[in-house]
Amino acid sequence: MLLLWFVVSGRTAAMVEGNITNQMIDAVESRASIINDYVASAEEYMTAFALGSEVRELLLAPEDAELLQKGQKYTEDFAAVKGIF
């Protein structure tokens, strides 16, 4: 009887451990997917933002006050449309 108890107890513990491990793996994979989607979305936004002529012109002449104003306006407009920044 004692041997049967050890066998059943050992198998039950192994099943519980396997179940918990699988749940933890699923949770980690789910969170990793959410993070990857967020990063991909942020990369798209930043790429779209950087394609603006205002950004390129400002990078070429960062001291130009007029370009700085245009860049600021572009950033505000972009943020209003995309809901970021």
C-alpha atoms as a PDB file:
ATOM      1  CA  MET A   1       0.000   0.000   0.000  1.00  0.00           C
ATOM      2  CA  LEU A   2       2.843   2.346   0.848  1.00  0.00           C
ATOM      3  CA  LEU A   3       4.457   1.664  -2.518  1.00  0.00           C
ATOM      4  CA  LEU A   4       1.191   2.486  -4.311  1.00  0.00           C
ATOM      5  CA  TRP A   5       0.944   5.770  -2.385  1.00  0.00           C
ATOM      6  CA  PHE A   6       4.498   6.749  -3.407  1.00  0.00           C
ATOM      7  CA  VAL A   7       3.808   5.970  -7.059  1.00  0.00           C
ATOM      8  CA  VAL A   8       0.516   7.884  -7.142  1.00  0.00           C
ATOM      9  CA  SER A   9       1.994  10.780  -5.186  1.00  0.00           C
ATOM     10  CA  GLY A  10       5.001  11.011  -7.481  1.00  0.00           C
ATOM     11  CA  ARG A  11       2.894  10.943 -10.642  1.00  0.00           C
ATOM     12  CA  THR A  12       0.454  13.492  -9.266  1.00  0.00           C
ATOM     13  CA  ALA A  13       3.295  15.829  -8.320  1.00  0.00           C
ATOM     14  CA  ALA A  14       4.820  15.441 -11.797  1.00  0.00           C
ATOM     15  CA  MET A  15       1.459  16.202 -13.467  1.00  0.00           C
ATOM     16  CA  VAL A  16       0.902  19.286 -11.316  1.00  0.00           C
ATOM     17  CA  GLU A  17       4.436  20.510 -11.980  1.00  0.00           C
ATOM     18  CA  GLY A  18       4.007  19.972 -15.725  1.00  0.00           C
ATOM     19  CA  ASN A  19       0.679  21.799 -15.717  1.00  0.00           C
ATOM     20  CA  ILE A  20       2.086  24.775 -13.826  1.00  0.00           C
ATOM     21  CA  THR A  21       5.124  24.908 -16.110  1.00  0.00           C
ATOM     22  CA  ASN A  22       2.889  24.908 -19.195  1.00  0.00           C
ATOM     23  CA  GLN A  23       0.747  27.711 -17.764  1.00  0.00           C
ATOM     24  CA  MET A  24       3.832  29.795 -17.020  1.00  0.00           C
ATOM     25  CA  ILE A  25       5.206  29.222 -20.526  1.00  0.00           C
ATOM     26  CA  ASP A  26       1.858  30.261 -22.036  1.00  0.00           C
ATOM     27  CA  ALA A  27       1.809  33.434 -19.926  1.00  0.00           C
ATOM     28  CA  VAL A  28       5.364  34.356 -20.913  1.00  0.00           C
ATOM     29  CA  GLU A  29       4.699  33.716 -24.615  1.00  0.00           C
ATOM     30  CA  SER A  30       1.529  35.805 -24.457  1.00  0.00           C
ATOM     31  CA  ARG A  31       3.329  38.732 -22.855  1.00  0.00           C
ATOM     32  CA  ALA A  32       6.222  38.430 -25.287  1.00  0.00           C
ATOM     33  CA  SER A  33       3.766  38.612 -28.166  1.00  0.00           C
ATOM     34  CA  ILE A  34       2.176  41.762 -26.728  1.00  0.00           C
ATOM     35  CA  ILE A  35       5.602  43.373 -26.307  1.00  0.00           C
ATOM     36  CA  ASN A  36       6.671  42.421 -29.826  1.00  0.00           C
ATOM     37  CA  ASP A  37       3.467  43.892 -31.274  1.00  0.00           C
ATOM     38  CA  TYR A  38       4.013  47.110 -29.320  1.00  0.00           C
ATOM     39  CA  VAL A  39       7.617  47.429 -30.487  1.00  0.00           C
ATOM     40  CA  ALA A  40       6.647  46.768 -34.112  1.00  0.00           C
ATOM     41  CA  SER A  41       3.926  49.399 -33.889  1.00  0.00           C
ATOM     42  CA  ALA A  42       6.303  51.937 -32.331  1.00  0.00           C
ATOM     43  CA  GLU A  43       8.860  51.261 -35.068  1.00  0.00           C
ATOM     44  CA  GLU A  44       6.198  51.914 -37.720  1.00  0.00           C
ATOM     45  CA  TYR A  45       5.241  55.201 -36.068  1.00  0.00           C
ATOM     46  CA  MET A  46       8.833  56.337 -35.794  1.00  0.00           C
ATOM     47  CA  THR A  47       9.548  55.382 -39.414  1.00  0.00           C
ATOM     48  CA  ALA A  48       6.476  57.273 -40.590  1.00  0.00           C
ATOM     49  CA  PHE A  49       7.491  60.271 -38.480  1.00  0.00           C
ATOM     50  CA  ALA A  50      11.065  60.262 -39.784  1.00  0.00           C
ATOM     51  CA  LEU A  51       9.898  60.234 -43.406  1.00  0.00           C
ATOM     52  CA  GLY A  52       8.506  63.752 -43.075  1.00  0.00           C
ATOM     53  CA  SER A  53      10.447  66.382 -44.999  1.00  0.00           C
ATOM     54  CA  GLU A  54      10.307  68.640 -41.953  1.00  0.00           C
ATOM     55  CA  VAL A  55      12.335  66.131 -39.962  1.00  0.00           C
ATOM     56  CA  ARG A  56      14.945  65.621 -42.682  1.00  0.00           C
ATOM     57  CA  GLU A  57      15.357  69.366 -43.257  1.00  0.00           C
ATOM     58  CA  LEU A  58      15.699  70.012 -39.540  1.00  0.00           C
ATOM     59  CA  LEU A  59      18.343  67.322 -39.212  1.00  0.00           C
ATOM     60  CA  LEU A  60      20.336  68.983 -41.972  1.00  0.00           C
ATOM     61  CA  ALA A  61      20.127  72.417 -40.348  1.00  0.00           C
ATOM     62  CA  PRO A  62      19.333  72.002 -36.624  1.00  0.00           C
ATOM     63  CA  GLU A  63      20.127  75.628 -35.787  1.00  0.00           C
ATOM     64  CA  ASP A  64      17.576  77.086 -38.251  1.00  0.00           C
ATOM     65  CA  ALA A  65      14.771  78.623 -36.152  1.00  0.00           C
ATOM     66  CA  GLU A  66      12.226  78.498 -38.984  1.00  0.00           C
ATOM     67  CA  LEU A  67      12.880  74.805 -39.570  1.00  0.00           C
ATOM     68  CA  LEU A  68      12.678  74.236 -35.843  1.00  0.00           C
ATOM     69  CA  GLN A  69       9.194  75.807 -35.801  1.00  0.00           C
ATOM     70  CA  LYS A  70       8.129  73.680 -38.777  1.00  0.00           C
ATOM     71  CA  GLY A  71       9.516  70.577 -37.080  1.00  0.00           C
ATOM     72  CA  GLN A  72       7.654  71.377 -33.875  1.00  0.00           C
ATOM     73  CA  LYS A  73       4.398  71.912 -35.765  1.00  0.00           C
ATOM     74  CA  TYR A  74       4.929  68.679 -37.700  1.00  0.00           C
ATOM     75  CA  THR A  75       5.566  66.797 -34.447  1.00  0.00           C
ATOM     76  CA  GLU A  76       2.428  68.199 -32.830  1.00  0.00           C
ATOM     77  CA  ASP A  77       0.293  67.427 -35.893  1.00  0.00           C
ATOM     78  CA  PHE A  78       1.735  63.937 -36.200  1.00  0.00           C
ATOM     79  CA  ALA A  79       1.117  63.262 -32.525  1.00  0.00           C
ATOM     80  CA  ALA A  80      -2.465  64.508 -32.795  1.00  0.00           C
ATOM     81  CA  VAL A  81      -3.203  62.169 -35.700  1.00  0.00           C
ATOM     82  CA  LYS A  82      -1.371  59.111 -34.363  1.00  0.00           C
ATOM     83  CA  GLY A  83      -2.144  59.679 -30.687  1.00  0.00           C
ATOM     84  CA  ILE A  84       1.466  59.221 -29.610  1.00  0.00           C
ATOM     85  CA  PHE A  85       4.356  61.247 -28.218  1.00  0.00           C
END
